[in-house]
Amino acid sequence: MVIESGRVAMRYYQPIPKDIQIGKEFYHFRTKKTISMAWVLTEHADKVMAIRRTDCGSCGGNLPIFSYASEAAVRIWEGRAER
């Protein structure tokens, strides 16, 4: 888990943009080098992690779609490392 300035790096499971809202805060998961990531307020991290995939009939809508980004993923996403 990578935390900077009260925010945690979180990753969306697909390499596409994704926008979500937690309370009054909007998070824009943007894709860079096939990693869809956003910096989320630490107090919202549990709520983001609780979001599940609902379009999957075979899994019953219980698959997580967000995770904490690894240090390597953050470096790649920020352009500090090569993929």
PDB file of N, CA and C in Angstrom:
ATOM      1  N   MET A   1       0.849  -1.166   0.000  1.00  0.00           N
ATOM      2  CA  MET A   1       0.000   0.000   0.000  1.00  0.00           C
ATOM      3  C   MET A   1       0.902   1.238   0.000  1.00  0.00           C
ATOM      4  N   VAL A   2       0.584   2.194  -0.878  1.00  0.00           N
ATOM      5  CA  VAL A   2       1.366   3.416  -0.995  1.00  0.00           C
ATOM      6  C   VAL A   2       0.496   4.578  -0.535  1.00  0.00           C
ATOM      7  N   ILE A   3       0.964   5.295   0.494  1.00  0.00           N
ATOM      8  CA  ILE A   3       0.227   6.435   1.027  1.00  0.00           C
ATOM      9  C   ILE A   3       1.116   7.671   0.942  1.00  0.00           C
ATOM     10  N   GLU A   4       0.557   8.746   0.402  1.00  0.00           N
ATOM     11  CA  GLU A   4       1.251  10.026   0.317  1.00  0.00           C
ATOM     12  C   GLU A   4       0.267  11.146   0.586  1.00  0.00           C
ATOM     13  N   SER A   5       0.603  12.041   1.482  1.00  0.00           N
ATOM     14  CA  SER A   5      -0.205  13.232   1.776  1.00  0.00           C
ATOM     15  C   SER A   5      -1.662  12.913   2.090  1.00  0.00           C
ATOM     16  N   GLY A   6      -1.879  11.864   2.884  1.00  0.00           N
ATOM     17  CA  GLY A   6      -3.235  11.513   3.290  1.00  0.00           C
ATOM     18  C   GLY A   6      -4.063  10.814   2.229  1.00  0.00           C
ATOM     19  N   ARG A   7      -3.401  10.386   1.159  1.00  0.00           N
ATOM     20  CA  ARG A   7      -4.096   9.665   0.079  1.00  0.00           C
ATOM     21  C   ARG A   7      -3.390   8.335  -0.167  1.00  0.00           C
ATOM     22  N   VAL A   8      -4.185   7.357  -0.577  1.00  0.00           N
ATOM     23  CA  VAL A   8      -3.656   6.036  -0.869  1.00  0.00           C
ATOM     24  C   VAL A   8      -3.831   5.757  -2.362  1.00  0.00           C
ATOM     25  N   ALA A   9      -2.839   5.126  -2.958  1.00  0.00           N
ATOM     26  CA  ALA A   9      -2.903   4.769  -4.374  1.00  0.00           C
ATOM     27  C   ALA A   9      -3.792   3.538  -4.514  1.00  0.00           C
ATOM     28  N   MET A  10      -4.840   3.671  -5.342  1.00  0.00           N
ATOM     29  CA  MET A  10      -5.748   2.557  -5.573  1.00  0.00           C
ATOM     30  C   MET A  10      -5.850   2.290  -7.061  1.00  0.00           C
ATOM     31  N   ARG A  11      -6.051   1.033  -7.370  1.00  0.00           N
ATOM     32  CA  ARG A  11      -6.042   0.580  -8.762  1.00  0.00           C
ATOM     33  C   ARG A  11      -7.385  -0.038  -9.133  1.00  0.00           C
ATOM     34  N   TYR A  12      -7.857   0.307 -10.339  1.00  0.00           N
ATOM     35  CA  TYR A  12      -9.065  -0.289 -10.899  1.00  0.00           C
ATOM     36  C   TYR A  12      -8.652  -1.552 -11.642  1.00  0.00           C
ATOM     37  N   TYR A  13      -9.500  -2.574 -11.623  1.00  0.00           N
ATOM     38  CA  TYR A  13      -9.105  -3.883 -12.154  1.00  0.00           C
ATOM     39  C   TYR A  13      -8.935  -3.935 -13.667  1.00  0.00           C
ATOM     40  N   GLN A  14      -9.521  -2.998 -14.401  1.00  0.00           N
ATOM     41  CA  GLN A  14      -9.363  -2.986 -15.856  1.00  0.00           C
ATOM     42  C   GLN A  14      -8.501  -1.790 -16.270  1.00  0.00           C
ATOM     43  N   PRO A  15      -7.766  -1.922 -17.342  1.00  0.00           N
ATOM     44  CA  PRO A  15      -6.925  -0.803 -17.797  1.00  0.00           C
ATOM     45  C   PRO A  15      -7.708   0.219 -18.620  1.00  0.00           C
ATOM     46  N   ILE A  16      -8.803   0.711 -18.037  1.00  0.00           N
ATOM     47  CA  ILE A  16      -9.627   1.721 -18.693  1.00  0.00           C
ATOM     48  C   ILE A  16      -9.962   2.801 -17.660  1.00  0.00           C
ATOM     49  N   PRO A  17     -10.329   4.009 -18.109  1.00  0.00           N
ATOM     50  CA  PRO A  17     -10.716   5.047 -17.155  1.00  0.00           C
ATOM     51  C   PRO A  17     -11.991   4.664 -16.406  1.00  0.00           C
ATOM     52  N   LYS A  18     -12.080   5.115 -15.160  1.00  0.00           N
ATOM     53  CA  LYS A  18     -13.255   4.840 -14.330  1.00  0.00           C
ATOM     54  C   LYS A  18     -13.437   6.015 -13.374  1.00  0.00           C
ATOM     55  N   ASP A  19     -14.657   6.543 -13.288  1.00  0.00           N
ATOM     56  CA  ASP A  19     -14.966   7.621 -12.370  1.00  0.00           C
ATOM     57  C   ASP A  19     -15.928   7.102 -11.312  1.00  0.00           C
ATOM     58  N   ILE A  20     -15.639   7.428 -10.049  1.00  0.00           N
ATOM     59  CA  ILE A  20     -16.539   7.054  -8.957  1.00  0.00           C
ATOM     60  C   ILE A  20     -16.699   8.247  -8.022  1.00  0.00           C
ATOM     61  N   GLN A  21     -17.747   8.190  -7.209  1.00  0.00           N
ATOM     62  CA  GLN A  21     -17.988   9.224  -6.224  1.00  0.00           C
ATOM     63  C   GLN A  21     -18.177   8.580  -4.861  1.00  0.00           C
ATOM     64  N   ILE A  22     -17.452   9.086  -3.879  1.00  0.00           N
ATOM     65  CA  ILE A  22     -17.602   8.674  -2.490  1.00  0.00           C
ATOM     66  C   ILE A  22     -17.955   9.945  -1.726  1.00  0.00           C
ATOM     67  N   GLY A  23     -19.160  10.010  -1.207  1.00  0.00           N
ATOM     68  CA  GLY A  23     -19.615  11.239  -0.559  1.00  0.00           C
ATOM     69  C   GLY A  23     -19.634  12.369  -1.574  1.00  0.00           C
ATOM     70  N   LYS A  24     -18.965  13.449  -1.253  1.00  0.00           N
ATOM     71  CA  LYS A  24     -18.886  14.593  -2.176  1.00  0.00           C
ATOM     72  C   LYS A  24     -17.612  14.579  -3.009  1.00  0.00           C
ATOM     73  N   GLU A  25     -16.779  13.585  -2.801  1.00  0.00           N
ATOM     74  CA  GLU A  25     -15.482  13.495  -3.488  1.00  0.00           C
ATOM     75  C   GLU A  25     -15.595  12.634  -4.748  1.00  0.00           C
ATOM     76  N   PHE A  26     -15.058  13.152  -5.851  1.00  0.00           N
ATOM     77  CA  PHE A  26     -15.005  12.402  -7.105  1.00  0.00           C
ATOM     78  C   PHE A  26     -13.593  11.897  -7.311  1.00  0.00           C
ATOM     79  N   TYR A  27     -13.487  10.646  -7.756  1.00  0.00           N
ATOM     80  CA  TYR A  27     -12.179  10.051  -8.053  1.00  0.00           C
ATOM     81  C   TYR A  27     -12.158   9.646  -9.515  1.00  0.00           C
ATOM     82  N   HIS A  28     -11.128  10.053 -10.189  1.00  0.00           N
ATOM     83  CA  HIS A  28     -10.966   9.774 -11.609  1.00  0.00           C
ATOM     84  C   HIS A  28      -9.806   8.788 -11.780  1.00  0.00           C
ATOM     85  N   PHE A  29     -10.133   7.526 -11.999  1.00  0.00           N
ATOM     86  CA  PHE A  29      -9.114   6.513 -12.249  1.00  0.00           C
ATOM     87  C   PHE A  29      -8.693   6.656 -13.709  1.00  0.00           C
ATOM     88  N   ARG A  30      -7.484   7.061 -13.920  1.00  0.00           N
ATOM     89  CA  ARG A  30      -6.965   7.305 -15.266  1.00  0.00           C
ATOM     90  C   ARG A  30      -5.941   6.243 -15.631  1.00  0.00           C
ATOM     91  N   THR A  31      -5.935   5.904 -16.892  1.00  0.00           N
ATOM     92  CA  THR A  31      -5.051   4.846 -17.369  1.00  0.00           C
ATOM     93  C   THR A  31      -3.775   5.438 -17.938  1.00  0.00           C
ATOM     94  N   LYS A  32      -2.669   4.941 -17.418  1.00  0.00           N
ATOM     95  CA  LYS A  32      -1.348   5.283 -17.935  1.00  0.00           C
ATOM     96  C   LYS A  32      -0.557   3.985 -17.968  1.00  0.00           C
ATOM     97  N   LYS A  33      -0.006   3.672 -19.115  1.00  0.00           N
ATOM     98  CA  LYS A  33       0.781   2.438 -19.293  1.00  0.00           C
ATOM     99  C   LYS A  33       0.022   1.208 -18.801  1.00  0.00           C
ATOM    100  N   THR A  34      -1.227   1.112 -19.169  1.00  0.00           N
ATOM    101  CA  THR A  34      -2.164   0.011 -18.872  1.00  0.00           C
ATOM    102  C   THR A  34      -2.503  -0.139 -17.388  1.00  0.00           C
ATOM    103  N   ILE A  35      -2.243   0.877 -16.583  1.00  0.00           N
ATOM    104  CA  ILE A  35      -2.613   0.846 -15.167  1.00  0.00           C
ATOM    105  C   ILE A  35      -3.649   1.937 -14.926  1.00  0.00           C
ATOM    106  N   SER A  36      -4.815   1.559 -14.429  1.00  0.00           N
ATOM    107  CA  SER A  36      -5.864   2.512 -14.094  1.00  0.00           C
ATOM    108  C   SER A  36      -5.783   2.763 -12.594  1.00  0.00           C
ATOM    109  N   MET A  37      -5.417   4.010 -12.222  1.00  0.00           N
ATOM    110  CA  MET A  37      -5.129   4.307 -10.826  1.00  0.00           C
ATOM    111  C   MET A  37      -5.598   5.698 -10.449  1.00  0.00           C
ATOM    112  N   ALA A  38      -5.845   5.892  -9.150  1.00  0.00           N
ATOM    113  CA  ALA A  38      -6.179   7.205  -8.615  1.00  0.00           C
ATOM    114  C   ALA A  38      -5.658   7.283  -7.180  1.00  0.00           C
ATOM    115  N   TRP A  39      -5.459   8.509  -6.728  1.00  0.00           N
ATOM    116  CA  TRP A  39      -5.090   8.766  -5.334  1.00  0.00           C
ATOM    117  C   TRP A  39      -6.383   9.067  -4.578  1.00  0.00           C
ATOM    118  N   VAL A  40      -6.698   8.244  -3.587  1.00  0.00           N
ATOM    119  CA  VAL A  40      -7.964   8.295  -2.858  1.00  0.00           C
ATOM    120  C   VAL A  40      -7.678   8.699  -1.412  1.00  0.00           C
ATOM    121  N   LEU A  41      -8.528   9.571  -0.850  1.00  0.00           N
ATOM    122  CA  LEU A  41      -8.380   9.921   0.560  1.00  0.00           C
ATOM    123  C   LEU A  41      -8.386   8.648   1.400  1.00  0.00           C
ATOM    124  N   THR A  42      -7.480   8.555   2.361  1.00  0.00           N
ATOM    125  CA  THR A  42      -7.374   7.326   3.147  1.00  0.00           C
ATOM    126  C   THR A  42      -8.681   6.964   3.833  1.00  0.00           C
ATOM    127  N   GLU A  43      -9.472   7.975   4.241  1.00  0.00           N
ATOM    128  CA  GLU A  43     -10.738   7.666   4.908  1.00  0.00           C
ATOM    129  C   GLU A  43     -11.789   7.121   3.957  1.00  0.00           C
ATOM    130  N   HIS A  44     -11.556   7.194   2.649  1.00  0.00           N
ATOM    131  CA  HIS A  44     -12.491   6.647   1.666  1.00  0.00           C
ATOM    132  C   HIS A  44     -12.049   5.281   1.126  1.00  0.00           C
ATOM    133  N   ALA A  45     -10.857   4.848   1.477  1.00  0.00           N
ATOM    134  CA  ALA A  45     -10.296   3.608   0.910  1.00  0.00           C
ATOM    135  C   ALA A  45     -11.190   2.392   1.169  1.00  0.00           C
ATOM    136  N   ASP A  46     -11.716   2.252   2.373  1.00  0.00           N
ATOM    137  CA  ASP A  46     -12.576   1.097   2.676  1.00  0.00           C
ATOM    138  C   ASP A  46     -13.845   1.109   1.829  1.00  0.00           C
ATOM    139  N   LYS A  47     -14.392   2.289   1.596  1.00  0.00           N
ATOM    140  CA  LYS A  47     -15.603   2.388   0.775  1.00  0.00           C
ATOM    141  C   LYS A  47     -15.320   2.034  -0.679  1.00  0.00           C
ATOM    142  N   VAL A  48     -14.160   2.439  -1.175  1.00  0.00           N
ATOM    143  CA  VAL A  48     -13.778   2.077  -2.545  1.00  0.00           C
ATOM    144  C   VAL A  48     -13.569   0.571  -2.638  1.00  0.00           C
ATOM    145  N   MET A  49     -12.898   0.001  -1.647  1.00  0.00           N
ATOM    146  CA  MET A  49     -12.648  -1.450  -1.647  1.00  0.00           C
ATOM    147  C   MET A  49     -13.947  -2.253  -1.562  1.00  0.00           C
ATOM    148  N   ALA A  50     -14.999  -1.664  -1.014  1.00  0.00           N
ATOM    149  CA  ALA A  50     -16.277  -2.367  -0.870  1.00  0.00           C
ATOM    150  C   ALA A  50     -17.088  -2.390  -2.164  1.00  0.00           C
ATOM    151  N   ILE A  51     -16.691  -1.594  -3.160  1.00  0.00           N
ATOM    152  CA  ILE A  51     -17.418  -1.585  -4.436  1.00  0.00           C
ATOM    153  C   ILE A  51     -17.167  -2.909  -5.151  1.00  0.00           C
ATOM    154  N   ARG A  52     -18.223  -3.532  -5.609  1.00  0.00           N
ATOM    155  CA  ARG A  52     -18.134  -4.841  -6.258  1.00  0.00           C
ATOM    156  C   ARG A  52     -18.629  -4.760  -7.691  1.00  0.00           C
ATOM    157  N   ARG A  53     -18.190  -5.702  -8.475  1.00  0.00           N
ATOM    158  CA  ARG A  53     -18.641  -5.822  -9.859  1.00  0.00           C
ATOM    159  C   ARG A  53     -20.060  -6.381  -9.869  1.00  0.00           C
ATOM    160  N   THR A  54     -20.959  -5.695 -10.565  1.00  0.00           N
ATOM    161  CA  THR A  54     -22.362  -6.113 -10.545  1.00  0.00           C
ATOM    162  C   THR A  54     -22.838  -6.667 -11.874  1.00  0.00           C
ATOM    163  N   ASP A  55     -21.994  -6.637 -12.898  1.00  0.00           N
ATOM    164  CA  ASP A  55     -22.429  -7.086 -14.224  1.00  0.00           C
ATOM    165  C   ASP A  55     -22.056  -8.531 -14.523  1.00  0.00           C
ATOM    166  N   CYS A  56     -21.668  -9.256 -13.517  1.00  0.00           N
ATOM    167  CA  CYS A  56     -21.204 -10.633 -13.711  1.00  0.00           C
ATOM    168  C   CYS A  56     -22.234 -11.596 -13.125  1.00  0.00           C
ATOM    169  N   GLY A  57     -22.995 -12.247 -13.990  1.00  0.00           N
ATOM    170  CA  GLY A  57     -24.010 -13.180 -13.524  1.00  0.00           C
ATOM    171  C   GLY A  57     -23.442 -14.406 -12.843  1.00  0.00           C
ATOM    172  N   SER A  58     -22.311 -14.895 -13.324  1.00  0.00           N
ATOM    173  CA  SER A  58     -21.764 -16.132 -12.771  1.00  0.00           C
ATOM    174  C   SER A  58     -21.123 -15.942 -11.401  1.00  0.00           C
ATOM    175  N   CYS A  59     -20.693 -14.715 -11.075  1.00  0.00           N
ATOM    176  CA  CYS A  59     -20.042 -14.507  -9.778  1.00  0.00           C
ATOM    177  C   CYS A  59     -21.012 -13.941  -8.746  1.00  0.00           C
ATOM    178  N   GLY A  60     -22.221 -13.637  -9.166  1.00  0.00           N
ATOM    179  CA  GLY A  60     -23.206 -13.112  -8.244  1.00  0.00           C
ATOM    180  C   GLY A  60     -22.951 -11.673  -7.826  1.00  0.00           C
ATOM    181  N   GLY A  61     -22.119 -10.958  -8.582  1.00  0.00           N
ATOM    182  CA  GLY A  61     -21.833  -9.562  -8.271  1.00  0.00           C
ATOM    183  C   GLY A  61     -20.971  -9.363  -7.050  1.00  0.00           C
ATOM    184  N   ASN A  62     -20.107 -10.310  -6.771  1.00  0.00           N
ATOM    185  CA  ASN A  62     -19.299 -10.215  -5.549  1.00  0.00           C
ATOM    186  C   ASN A  62     -17.802 -10.131  -5.816  1.00  0.00           C
ATOM    187  N   LEU A  63     -17.408  -9.796  -7.022  1.00  0.00           N
ATOM    188  CA  LEU A  63     -15.978  -9.672  -7.309  1.00  0.00           C
ATOM    189  C   LEU A  63     -15.498  -8.259  -7.014  1.00  0.00           C
ATOM    190  N   PRO A  64     -14.398  -8.125  -6.266  1.00  0.00           N
ATOM    191  CA  PRO A  64     -13.854  -6.786  -6.032  1.00  0.00           C
ATOM    192  C   PRO A  64     -13.278  -6.225  -7.324  1.00  0.00           C
ATOM    193  N   ILE A  65     -13.393  -4.915  -7.515  1.00  0.00           N
ATOM    194  CA  ILE A  65     -12.865  -4.304  -8.740  1.00  0.00           C
ATOM    195  C   ILE A  65     -11.784  -3.261  -8.446  1.00  0.00           C
ATOM    196  N   PHE A  66     -11.539  -2.998  -7.168  1.00  0.00           N
ATOM    197  CA  PHE A  66     -10.478  -2.071  -6.779  1.00  0.00           C
ATOM    198  C   PHE A  66      -9.531  -2.766  -5.822  1.00  0.00           C
ATOM    199  N   SER A  67      -8.273  -2.344  -5.854  1.00  0.00           N
ATOM    200  CA  SER A  67      -7.270  -2.877  -4.937  1.00  0.00           C
ATOM    201  C   SER A  67      -6.288  -1.763  -4.611  1.00  0.00           C
ATOM    202  N   TYR A  68      -5.457  -2.006  -3.610  1.00  0.00           N
ATOM    203  CA  TYR A  68      -4.395  -1.057  -3.321  1.00  0.00           C
ATOM    204  C   TYR A  68      -3.310  -1.244  -4.370  1.00  0.00           C
ATOM    205  N   ALA A  69      -2.798  -0.148  -4.895  1.00  0.00           N
ATOM    206  CA  ALA A  69      -1.747  -0.227  -5.909  1.00  0.00           C
ATOM    207  C   ALA A  69      -0.416  -0.528  -5.235  1.00  0.00           C
ATOM    208  N   SER A  70       0.372  -1.351  -5.875  1.00  0.00           N
ATOM    209  CA  SER A  70       1.704  -1.657  -5.359  1.00  0.00           C
ATOM    210  C   SER A  70       2.654  -0.496  -5.646  1.00  0.00           C
ATOM    211  N   GLU A  71       3.797  -0.490  -4.972  1.00  0.00           N
ATOM    212  CA  GLU A  71       4.805   0.546  -5.227  1.00  0.00           C
ATOM    213  C   GLU A  71       5.270   0.496  -6.678  1.00  0.00           C
ATOM    214  N   ALA A  72       5.418  -0.698  -7.223  1.00  0.00           N
ATOM    215  CA  ALA A  72       5.853  -0.838  -8.619  1.00  0.00           C
ATOM    216  C   ALA A  72       4.815  -0.243  -9.569  1.00  0.00           C
ATOM    217  N   ALA A  73       3.529  -0.508  -9.315  1.00  0.00           N
ATOM    218  CA  ALA A  73       2.467   0.036 -10.168  1.00  0.00           C
ATOM    219  C   ALA A  73       2.445   1.561 -10.107  1.00  0.00           C
ATOM    220  N   VAL A  74       2.644   2.123  -8.921  1.00  0.00           N
ATOM    221  CA  VAL A  74       2.668   3.580  -8.777  1.00  0.00           C
ATOM    222  C   VAL A  74       3.828   4.169  -9.568  1.00  0.00           C
ATOM    223  N   ARG A  75       5.010   3.555  -9.467  1.00  0.00           N
ATOM    224  CA  ARG A  75       6.183   4.052 -10.211  1.00  0.00           C
ATOM    225  C   ARG A  75       5.938   4.005 -11.711  1.00  0.00           C
ATOM    226  N   ILE A  76       5.349   2.933 -12.198  1.00  0.00           N
ATOM    227  CA  ILE A  76       5.053   2.815 -13.631  1.00  0.00           C
ATOM    228  C   ILE A  76       4.022   3.861 -14.032  1.00  0.00           C
ATOM    229  N   TRP A  77       2.935   3.979 -13.277  1.00  0.00           N
ATOM    230  CA  TRP A  77       1.844   4.909 -13.582  1.00  0.00           C
ATOM    231  C   TRP A  77       2.347   6.353 -13.597  1.00  0.00           C
ATOM    232  N   GLU A  78       3.247   6.679 -12.681  1.00  0.00           N
ATOM    233  CA  GLU A  78       3.778   8.036 -12.593  1.00  0.00           C
ATOM    234  C   GLU A  78       4.928   8.287 -13.586  1.00  0.00           C
ATOM    235  N   GLY A  79       5.323   7.258 -14.308  1.00  0.00           N
ATOM    236  CA  GLY A  79       6.393   7.416 -15.298  1.00  0.00           C
ATOM    237  C   GLY A  79       7.795   7.383 -14.724  1.00  0.00           C
ATOM    238  N   ARG A  80       7.933   6.847 -13.496  1.00  0.00           N
ATOM    239  CA  ARG A  80       9.255   6.748 -12.873  1.00  0.00           C
ATOM    240  C   ARG A  80       9.904   5.405 -13.109  1.00  0.00           C
ATOM    241  N   ALA A  81       9.209   4.505 -13.807  1.00  0.00           N
ATOM    242  CA  ALA A  81       9.751   3.180 -14.119  1.00  0.00           C
ATOM    243  C   ALA A  81       9.143   2.727 -15.442  1.00  0.00           C
ATOM    244  N   GLU A  82       9.830   1.843 -16.100  1.00  0.00           N
ATOM    245  CA  GLU A  82       9.351   1.284 -17.364  1.00  0.00           C
ATOM    246  C   GLU A  82       8.535   0.041 -17.117  1.00  0.00           C
ATOM    247  N   ARG A  83       7.570  -0.169 -17.955  1.00  0.00           N
ATOM    248  CA  ARG A  83       6.743  -1.363 -17.869  1.00  0.00           C
ATOM    249  C   ARG A  83       7.443  -2.496 -18.543  1.00  0.00           C
TER     250      ARG A  83
END
